[in-house]
C-alpha atoms as a PDB file:
ATOM      1  CA  MET A   1     -65.681 132.885   7.250  1.00  0.00           C
ATOM      2  CA  LEU A   2     -66.915 136.170   6.511  1.00  0.00           C
ATOM      3  CA  SER A   3     -63.857 138.225   8.166  1.00  0.00           C
ATOM      4  CA  SER A   4     -62.136 136.838   5.219  1.00  0.00           C
ATOM      5  CA  LEU A   5     -64.363 137.607   2.733  1.00  0.00           C
ATOM      6  CA  ALA A   6     -65.058 141.333   4.164  1.00  0.00           C
ATOM      7  CA  ASN A   7     -61.156 141.628   4.282  1.00  0.00           C
ATOM      8  CA  CYS A   8     -60.969 141.048   0.805  1.00  0.00           C
ATOM      9  CA  ILE A   9     -63.654 143.857  -0.179  1.00  0.00           C
ATOM     10  CA  LEU A  10     -62.217 146.119   2.053  1.00  0.00           C
ATOM     11  CA  LYS A  11     -58.584 145.744   0.210  1.00  0.00           C
ATOM     12  CA  ILE A  12     -60.805 146.062  -2.980  1.00  0.00           C
ATOM     13  CA  GLU A  13     -62.419 148.930  -1.707  1.00  0.00           C
ATOM     14  CA  ASN A  14     -59.078 150.520  -0.577  1.00  0.00           C
ATOM     15  CA  GLY A  15     -57.573 149.960  -4.404  1.00  0.00           C
ATOM     16  CA  VAL A  16     -60.892 151.601  -6.151  1.00  0.00           C
ATOM     17  CA  GLN A  17     -60.398 154.591  -3.778  1.00  0.00           C
ATOM     18  CA  THR A  18     -56.416 155.026  -3.993  1.00  0.00           C
ATOM     19  CA  SER A  19     -55.397 153.715  -7.361  1.00  0.00           C
ATOM     20  CA  LYS A  20     -54.141 156.276  -9.831  1.00  0.00           C
ATOM     21  CA  ARG A  21     -55.345 153.987 -12.651  1.00  0.00           C
ATOM     22  CA  PRO A  22     -58.625 154.789 -13.870  1.00  0.00           C
ATOM     23  CA  GLU A  23     -58.866 151.254 -15.488  1.00  0.00           C
ATOM     24  CA  ASP A  24     -57.945 149.613 -12.457  1.00  0.00           C
ATOM     25  CA  ARG A  25     -60.637 151.710 -10.405  1.00  0.00           C
ATOM     26  CA  ILE A  26     -63.115 150.085 -12.903  1.00  0.00           C
ATOM     27  CA  THR A  27     -61.892 146.316 -12.761  1.00  0.00           C
ATOM     28  CA  GLY A  28     -62.068 147.018  -8.876  1.00  0.00           C
ATOM     29  CA  GLU A  29     -65.516 148.127  -9.009  1.00  0.00           C
ATOM     30  CA  LYS A  30     -66.643 145.161 -10.948  1.00  0.00           C
ATOM     31  CA  LEU A  31     -65.092 142.987  -8.329  1.00  0.00           C
ATOM     32  CA  LEU A  32     -67.085 144.603  -5.894  1.00  0.00           C
ATOM     33  CA  ALA A  33     -70.191 144.306  -7.689  1.00  0.00           C
ATOM     34  CA  TYR A  34     -69.663 140.839  -7.870  1.00  0.00           C
ATOM     35  CA  LEU A  35     -68.997 140.341  -4.644  1.00  0.00           C
ATOM     36  CA  ALA A  36     -72.111 142.528  -2.866  1.00  0.00           C
ATOM     37  CA  PRO A  37     -74.890 139.395  -3.231  1.00  0.00           C
ATOM     38  CA  VAL A  38     -71.921 137.017  -1.973  1.00  0.00           C
ATOM     39  CA  LEU A  39     -71.770 138.605   0.853  1.00  0.00           C
ATOM     40  CA  ALA A  40     -75.237 138.748   1.334  1.00  0.00           C
ATOM     41  CA  ALA A  41     -75.798 134.983   0.534  1.00  0.00           C
ATOM     42  CA  SER A  42     -72.677 134.248   2.843  1.00  0.00           C
ATOM     43  CA  GLU A  43     -74.481 136.391   5.789  1.00  0.00           C
ATOM     44  CA  LEU A  44     -77.213 134.047   5.529  1.00  0.00           C
ATOM     45  CA  SER A  45     -75.414 131.047   5.005  1.00  0.00           C
ATOM     46  CA  ILE A  46     -76.856 130.211   1.571  1.00  0.00           C
ATOM     47  CA  VAL A  47     -73.526 130.740  -0.444  1.00  0.00           C
ATOM     48  CA  GLU A  48     -73.232 128.206  -3.596  1.00  0.00           C
ATOM     49  CA  LEU A  49     -70.089 127.284  -5.378  1.00  0.00           C
ATOM     50  CA  LYS A  50     -71.398 128.555  -8.577  1.00  0.00           C
ATOM     51  CA  ASP A  51     -71.063 132.064  -7.039  1.00  0.00           C
ATOM     52  CA  ILE A  52     -67.384 131.361  -5.828  1.00  0.00           C
ATOM     53  CA  HIS A  53     -66.573 129.883  -9.068  1.00  0.00           C
ATOM     54  CA  GLY A  54     -67.941 133.147 -10.799  1.00  0.00           C
ATOM     55  CA  PHE A  55     -65.865 135.132  -8.858  1.00  0.00           C
ATOM     56  CA  GLU A  56     -62.658 132.951  -9.621  1.00  0.00           C
ATOM     57  CA  ARG A  57     -63.127 133.600 -13.485  1.00  0.00           C
ATOM     58  CA  LEU A  58     -63.919 137.174 -13.015  1.00  0.00           C
ATOM     59  CA  VAL A  59     -60.507 137.538 -11.384  1.00  0.00           C
ATOM     60  CA  GLY A  60     -59.045 135.318 -13.585  1.00  0.00           C
ATOM     61  CA  HIS A  61     -60.136 137.429 -16.720  1.00  0.00           C
ATOM     62  CA  SER A  62     -59.257 140.641 -14.925  1.00  0.00           C
ATOM     63  CA  PHE A  63     -56.279 142.386 -15.087  1.00  0.00           C
ATOM     64  CA  LEU A  64     -54.999 144.998 -12.686  1.00  0.00           C
ATOM     65  CA  ILE A  65     -52.090 147.192 -14.406  1.00  0.00           C
ATOM     66  CA  ASP A  66     -50.872 148.093 -10.669  1.00  0.00           C
ATOM     67  CA  PRO A  67     -52.326 145.410  -8.000  1.00  0.00           C
ATOM     68  CA  ALA A  68     -50.285 147.283  -5.084  1.00  0.00           C
ATOM     69  CA  PRO A  69     -53.577 149.425  -4.067  1.00  0.00           C
ATOM     70  CA  PHE A  70     -55.427 146.289  -3.980  1.00  0.00           C
ATOM     71  CA  GLY A  71     -53.296 144.819  -1.510  1.00  0.00           C
ATOM     72  CA  THR A  72     -53.357 140.994  -0.598  1.00  0.00           C
ATOM     73  CA  PHE A  73     -56.890 140.702  -1.637  1.00  0.00           C
ATOM     74  CA  TYR A  74     -56.822 137.524  -3.503  1.00  0.00           C
ATOM     75  CA  ALA A  75     -54.966 135.887  -0.577  1.00  0.00           C
ATOM     76  CA  ASP A  76     -58.068 136.791   1.747  1.00  0.00           C
ATOM     77  CA  TRP A  77     -60.408 135.598  -1.208  1.00  0.00           C
ATOM     78  CA  LYS A  78     -58.854 132.066  -1.244  1.00  0.00           C
ATOM     79  CA  ASN A  79     -59.113 131.644   2.152  1.00  0.00           C
ATOM     80  CA  PHE A  80     -63.098 132.437   2.325  1.00  0.00           C
ATOM     81  CA  ARG A  81     -63.340 130.017  -0.973  1.00  0.00           C
ATOM     82  CA  ASP A  82     -61.500 127.257   0.587  1.00  0.00           C
ATOM     83  CA  GLN A  83     -63.756 127.878   4.021  1.00  0.00           C
ATOM     84  CA  CYS A  84     -67.109 127.606   1.650  1.00  0.00           C
ATOM     85  CA  GLU A  85     -65.871 124.869  -0.173  1.00  0.00           C
ATOM     86  CA  ARG A  86     -65.293 122.670   2.878  1.00  0.00           C
ATOM     87  CA  THR A  87     -68.476 123.745   4.404  1.00  0.00           C
ATOM     88  CA  VAL A  88     -70.053 122.821   0.990  1.00  0.00           C
ATOM     89  CA  VAL A  89     -68.468 119.338   0.802  1.00  0.00           C
ATOM     90  CA  ALA A  90     -68.748 117.956   4.363  1.00  0.00           C
ATOM     91  CA  GLY A  91     -70.663 114.915   4.348  1.00  0.00           C
ATOM     92  CA  MET A  92     -69.987 114.228   0.805  1.00  0.00           C
ATOM     93  CA  THR A  93     -68.755 110.910  -0.751  1.00  0.00           C
ATOM     94  CA  VAL A  94     -65.675 111.507  -2.517  1.00  0.00           C
ATOM     95  CA  ASN A  95     -67.146 111.090  -5.825  1.00  0.00           C
ATOM     96  CA  GLU A  96     -69.778 113.787  -4.851  1.00  0.00           C
ATOM     97  CA  ARG A  97     -66.747 116.025  -3.540  1.00  0.00           C
ATOM     98  CA  LEU A  98     -64.751 115.509  -6.864  1.00  0.00           C
ATOM     99  CA  PHE A  99     -67.726 116.282  -9.202  1.00  0.00           C
ATOM    100  CA  VAL A 100     -69.051 119.393  -7.045  1.00  0.00           C
ATOM    101  CA  LEU A 101     -65.637 121.059  -7.108  1.00  0.00           C
ATOM    102  CA  GLY A 102     -65.480 120.228 -10.857  1.00  0.00           C
ATOM    103  CA  PHE A 103     -62.188 117.692 -10.395  1.00  0.00           C
ATOM    104  CA  LEU A 104     -63.989 114.283 -11.444  1.00  0.00           C
ATOM    105  CA  ASP A 105     -62.688 114.141 -15.038  1.00  0.00           C
ATOM    106  CA  GLU A 106     -59.646 115.193 -14.138  1.00  0.00           C
ATOM    107  CA  PHE A 107     -59.227 112.513 -11.409  1.00  0.00           C
ATOM    108  CA  ASP A 108     -60.399 110.183 -14.018  1.00  0.00           C
ATOM    109  CA  ARG A 109     -57.708 110.809 -16.201  1.00  0.00           C
ATOM    110  CA  VAL A 110     -54.907 110.825 -13.825  1.00  0.00           C
ATOM    111  CA  THR A 111     -55.831 107.638 -12.289  1.00  0.00           C
ATOM    112  CA  ALA A 112     -55.886 106.128 -15.818  1.00  0.00           C
ATOM    113  CA  LEU A 113     -52.439 107.500 -16.697  1.00  0.00           C
ATOM    114  CA  GLY A 114     -51.319 106.504 -13.103  1.00  0.00           C
ATOM    115  CA  GLU A 115     -49.919 109.929 -12.412  1.00  0.00           C
ATOM    116  CA  TRP A 116     -50.310 109.514  -8.272  1.00  0.00           C
ATOM    117  CA  ASP A 117     -48.646 112.453  -7.438  1.00  0.00           C
ATOM    118  CA  GLU A 118     -51.260 114.499  -9.383  1.00  0.00           C
ATOM    119  CA  CYS A 119     -53.847 112.309  -7.990  1.00  0.00           C
ATOM    120  CA  ARG A 120     -52.879 113.256  -4.266  1.00  0.00           C
ATOM    121  CA  SER A 121     -52.827 116.854  -5.526  1.00  0.00           C
ATOM    122  CA  ILE A 122     -56.237 116.794  -6.606  1.00  0.00           C
ATOM    123  CA  LEU A 123     -57.857 114.830  -3.482  1.00  0.00           C
ATOM    124  CA  ARG A 124     -56.096 117.369  -1.264  1.00  0.00           C
ATOM    125  CA  ARG A 125     -57.856 120.276  -3.115  1.00  0.00           C
ATOM    126  CA  ALA A 126     -61.370 117.806  -2.486  1.00  0.00           C
ATOM    127  CA  TYR A 127     -60.521 118.438   1.128  1.00  0.00           C
ATOM    128  CA  LEU A 128     -59.296 114.798   2.191  1.00  0.00           C
ATOM    129  CA  ASP A 129     -57.112 113.830   4.572  1.00  0.00           C
ATOM    130  CA  ASP A 130     -53.728 112.139   3.962  1.00  0.00           C
ATOM    131  CA  SER A 131     -55.021 108.338   5.099  1.00  0.00           C
ATOM    132  CA  ASN A 132     -58.098 108.864   2.981  1.00  0.00           C
ATOM    133  CA  ILE A 133     -55.782 109.638  -0.098  1.00  0.00           C
ATOM    134  CA  GLU A 134     -53.681 106.980   0.424  1.00  0.00           C
ATOM    135  CA  ALA A 135     -56.414 104.457   0.928  1.00  0.00           C
ATOM    136  CA  ILE A 136     -57.926 105.673  -2.529  1.00  0.00           C
ATOM    137  CA  ILE A 137     -54.737 105.607  -4.408  1.00  0.00           C
ATOM    138  CA  LYS A 138     -53.885 102.137  -3.154  1.00  0.00           C
ATOM    139  CA  HIS A 139     -57.333 101.341  -4.339  1.00  0.00           C
ATOM    140  CA  HIS A 140     -56.750 102.771  -7.993  1.00  0.00           C
ATOM    141  CA  LYS A 141     -53.440 100.607  -8.072  1.00  0.00           C
ATOM    142  CA  LYS A 142     -54.914  97.616  -7.394  1.00  0.00           C
ATOM    143  CA  GLU A 143     -57.696  98.121 -10.048  1.00  0.00           C
ATOM    144  CA  GLY A 144     -54.962  99.005 -12.874  1.00  0.00           C
END
């Protein structure tokens, strides 16, 4: 798990060092500043989903004019995020997973509309396997 985060940080650091765009270097420094406490918390196994989602928002609101110097940092971040989320939700019920990951309202909406493909997608993002997903959908179809 930490190797994915370390790779992400190293790629951002490379971007800060090699980018020709001053605004990209500033954005990279902001990303690094946010990740410093996330790295420390990860080392101590106390990372929280709010920190993970906070970085997602920061990246979503940031814009790199020339992303090439930063490599594939976001792919490494996604790998780290997925590993953290899996660890956090292990042992939770389906409803707890949907709530903690922020999918509960969307799940309720798509099941009420009978949008089963979207329902499957949400349940996959909550780290459920196909047999559980199909059982949940079958249950919701009977209720509807």
